[in-house]
Amino acid sequence: MADLLIVGSKVKAYIKSKKCKTSSEVLEALNKKVMGVLDDACKRTQGNKRTTVKGQDL
C-alpha cells in the first residue's frame, strides 16, 4: 500500500459517528480516491499554466 494521505483514525471515527462500521479495505480505497482527485487537480492546475493547486481545481 502507498503512503496514506488520510488519517485512518479520523476516518474510522467519522464512519462510527454515522453509526456504521469500517471494513478493512476502506482506508486503502479512500486513499486511492483521494490520490485520484489530487492527480486530476494537478493536471487542471498545470493545464491552466499555474503551479498552485486551488480549491477550484478540485
N, C-alpha and C. Protein backbone atom coordinates (compact mmCIF):
# COMPACT_ATOMS: atom_id res chain seq x y z
N MET A 1 0.85 -1.18 0.00
CA MET A 1 0.00 0.00 0.00
C MET A 1 0.90 1.24 0.00
N ALA A 2 0.50 2.23 -0.75
CA ALA A 2 1.21 3.51 -0.78
C ALA A 2 1.02 4.23 0.55
N ASP A 3 1.82 5.26 0.76
CA ASP A 3 1.65 6.04 1.98
C ASP A 3 0.24 6.60 2.04
N LEU A 4 -0.34 6.56 3.22
CA LEU A 4 -1.69 7.09 3.40
C LEU A 4 -1.66 8.61 3.44
N LEU A 5 -2.56 9.22 2.69
CA LEU A 5 -2.73 10.67 2.71
C LEU A 5 -3.83 11.08 3.67
N ILE A 6 -4.52 10.08 4.19
CA ILE A 6 -5.65 10.33 5.08
C ILE A 6 -5.27 9.88 6.49
N VAL A 7 -5.99 10.35 7.47
CA VAL A 7 -5.77 9.94 8.86
C VAL A 7 -6.80 8.86 9.17
N GLY A 8 -6.30 7.62 9.25
CA GLY A 8 -7.17 6.47 9.43
C GLY A 8 -8.08 6.57 10.64
N SER A 9 -7.55 7.01 11.76
CA SER A 9 -8.36 7.10 12.98
C SER A 9 -9.49 8.11 12.83
N LYS A 10 -9.22 9.19 12.11
CA LYS A 10 -10.26 10.21 11.90
C LYS A 10 -11.35 9.67 10.97
N VAL A 11 -10.95 8.95 9.94
CA VAL A 11 -11.93 8.35 9.01
C VAL A 11 -12.79 7.35 9.76
N LYS A 12 -12.16 6.49 10.54
CA LYS A 12 -12.91 5.48 11.29
C LYS A 12 -13.86 6.13 12.29
N ALA A 13 -13.41 7.19 12.96
CA ALA A 13 -14.26 7.90 13.93
C ALA A 13 -15.46 8.54 13.23
N TYR A 14 -15.22 9.10 12.05
CA TYR A 14 -16.32 9.72 11.31
C TYR A 14 -17.35 8.67 10.91
N ILE A 15 -16.88 7.55 10.38
CA ILE A 15 -17.80 6.47 9.99
C ILE A 15 -18.56 5.97 11.20
N LYS A 16 -17.87 5.81 12.33
CA LYS A 16 -18.52 5.36 13.55
C LYS A 16 -19.58 6.35 14.02
N SER A 17 -19.32 7.65 13.84
CA SER A 17 -20.29 8.67 14.24
C SER A 17 -21.57 8.60 13.42
N LYS A 18 -21.48 7.96 12.25
CA LYS A 18 -22.64 7.76 11.38
C LYS A 18 -23.31 6.43 11.66
N LYS A 19 -22.90 5.78 12.77
CA LYS A 19 -23.46 4.51 13.22
C LYS A 19 -23.17 3.37 12.24
N CYS A 20 -21.97 3.41 11.64
CA CYS A 20 -21.54 2.36 10.72
C CYS A 20 -20.19 1.83 11.17
N LYS A 21 -19.82 0.69 10.60
CA LYS A 21 -18.53 0.08 10.90
C LYS A 21 -17.61 0.24 9.69
N THR A 22 -16.31 0.16 9.94
CA THR A 22 -15.31 0.35 8.89
C THR A 22 -14.72 -1.00 8.49
N SER A 23 -14.82 -1.33 7.23
CA SER A 23 -14.24 -2.54 6.68
C SER A 23 -12.73 -2.35 6.55
N SER A 24 -12.01 -3.44 6.50
CA SER A 24 -10.54 -3.37 6.46
C SER A 24 -10.01 -2.73 5.18
N GLU A 25 -10.76 -2.78 4.09
CA GLU A 25 -10.24 -2.20 2.84
C GLU A 25 -10.66 -0.75 2.60
N VAL A 26 -11.41 -0.17 3.50
CA VAL A 26 -11.92 1.19 3.30
C VAL A 26 -10.80 2.22 3.20
N LEU A 27 -9.83 2.16 4.09
CA LEU A 27 -8.78 3.18 4.11
C LEU A 27 -7.96 3.17 2.82
N GLU A 28 -7.61 2.00 2.34
CA GLU A 28 -6.84 1.92 1.09
C GLU A 28 -7.67 2.43 -0.10
N ALA A 29 -8.95 2.05 -0.15
CA ALA A 29 -9.81 2.51 -1.24
C ALA A 29 -10.00 4.02 -1.21
N LEU A 30 -10.21 4.57 -0.01
CA LEU A 30 -10.38 6.02 0.13
C LEU A 30 -9.09 6.74 -0.24
N ASN A 31 -7.96 6.20 0.16
CA ASN A 31 -6.68 6.80 -0.16
C ASN A 31 -6.48 6.87 -1.67
N LYS A 32 -6.86 5.80 -2.39
CA LYS A 32 -6.75 5.79 -3.85
C LYS A 32 -7.63 6.86 -4.48
N LYS A 33 -8.84 7.03 -3.93
CA LYS A 33 -9.74 8.06 -4.44
C LYS A 33 -9.16 9.45 -4.22
N VAL A 34 -8.61 9.68 -3.04
CA VAL A 34 -8.01 10.98 -2.73
C VAL A 34 -6.85 11.25 -3.67
N MET A 35 -6.00 10.26 -3.89
CA MET A 35 -4.88 10.43 -4.82
C MET A 35 -5.38 10.75 -6.23
N GLY A 36 -6.44 10.10 -6.65
CA GLY A 36 -7.02 10.38 -7.97
C GLY A 36 -7.53 11.80 -8.08
N VAL A 37 -8.21 12.27 -7.05
CA VAL A 37 -8.72 13.64 -7.04
C VAL A 37 -7.55 14.63 -7.11
N LEU A 38 -6.51 14.36 -6.34
CA LEU A 38 -5.35 15.26 -6.33
C LEU A 38 -4.59 15.22 -7.66
N ASP A 39 -4.48 14.03 -8.26
CA ASP A 39 -3.84 13.92 -9.58
C ASP A 39 -4.59 14.75 -10.61
N ASP A 40 -5.93 14.64 -10.59
CA ASP A 40 -6.75 15.42 -11.53
C ASP A 40 -6.60 16.91 -11.28
N ALA A 41 -6.54 17.30 -10.01
CA ALA A 41 -6.39 18.72 -9.66
C ALA A 41 -5.04 19.25 -10.16
N CYS A 42 -4.00 18.44 -10.05
CA CYS A 42 -2.68 18.87 -10.53
C CYS A 42 -2.68 19.03 -12.05
N LYS A 43 -3.35 18.12 -12.74
CA LYS A 43 -3.43 18.23 -14.21
C LYS A 43 -4.17 19.50 -14.60
N ARG A 44 -5.26 19.80 -13.91
CA ARG A 44 -6.02 21.01 -14.20
C ARG A 44 -5.17 22.25 -13.92
N THR A 45 -4.45 22.24 -12.81
CA THR A 45 -3.59 23.35 -12.44
C THR A 45 -2.55 23.61 -13.52
N GLN A 46 -1.88 22.55 -13.95
CA GLN A 46 -0.86 22.67 -14.98
C GLN A 46 -1.47 23.09 -16.32
N GLY A 47 -2.67 22.61 -16.61
CA GLY A 47 -3.36 22.99 -17.83
C GLY A 47 -3.70 24.47 -17.86
N ASN A 48 -3.85 25.06 -16.69
CA ASN A 48 -4.14 26.48 -16.57
C ASN A 48 -2.86 27.29 -16.34
N LYS A 49 -1.72 26.66 -16.60
CA LYS A 49 -0.41 27.31 -16.50
C LYS A 49 -0.15 27.91 -15.12
N ARG A 50 -0.52 27.12 -14.09
CA ARG A 50 -0.26 27.50 -12.70
C ARG A 50 0.52 26.38 -12.04
N THR A 51 1.11 26.68 -10.90
CA THR A 51 1.77 25.66 -10.10
C THR A 51 1.11 25.48 -8.75
N THR A 52 0.17 26.34 -8.44
CA THR A 52 -0.53 26.27 -7.15
C THR A 52 -1.90 25.63 -7.35
N VAL A 53 -2.14 24.52 -6.66
CA VAL A 53 -3.44 23.86 -6.70
C VAL A 53 -4.39 24.66 -5.81
N LYS A 54 -5.54 25.01 -6.36
CA LYS A 54 -6.55 25.79 -5.63
C LYS A 54 -7.81 24.94 -5.44
N GLY A 55 -8.67 25.40 -4.57
CA GLY A 55 -9.92 24.70 -4.32
C GLY A 55 -10.72 24.49 -5.58
N GLN A 56 -10.67 25.44 -6.47
CA GLN A 56 -11.44 25.34 -7.72
C GLN A 56 -10.92 24.21 -8.61
N ASP A 57 -9.70 23.74 -8.38
CA ASP A 57 -9.15 22.65 -9.17
C ASP A 57 -9.68 21.30 -8.74
N LEU A 58 -10.23 21.26 -7.55
CA LEU A 58 -10.79 20.01 -7.06
C LEU A 58 -12.14 19.73 -7.68
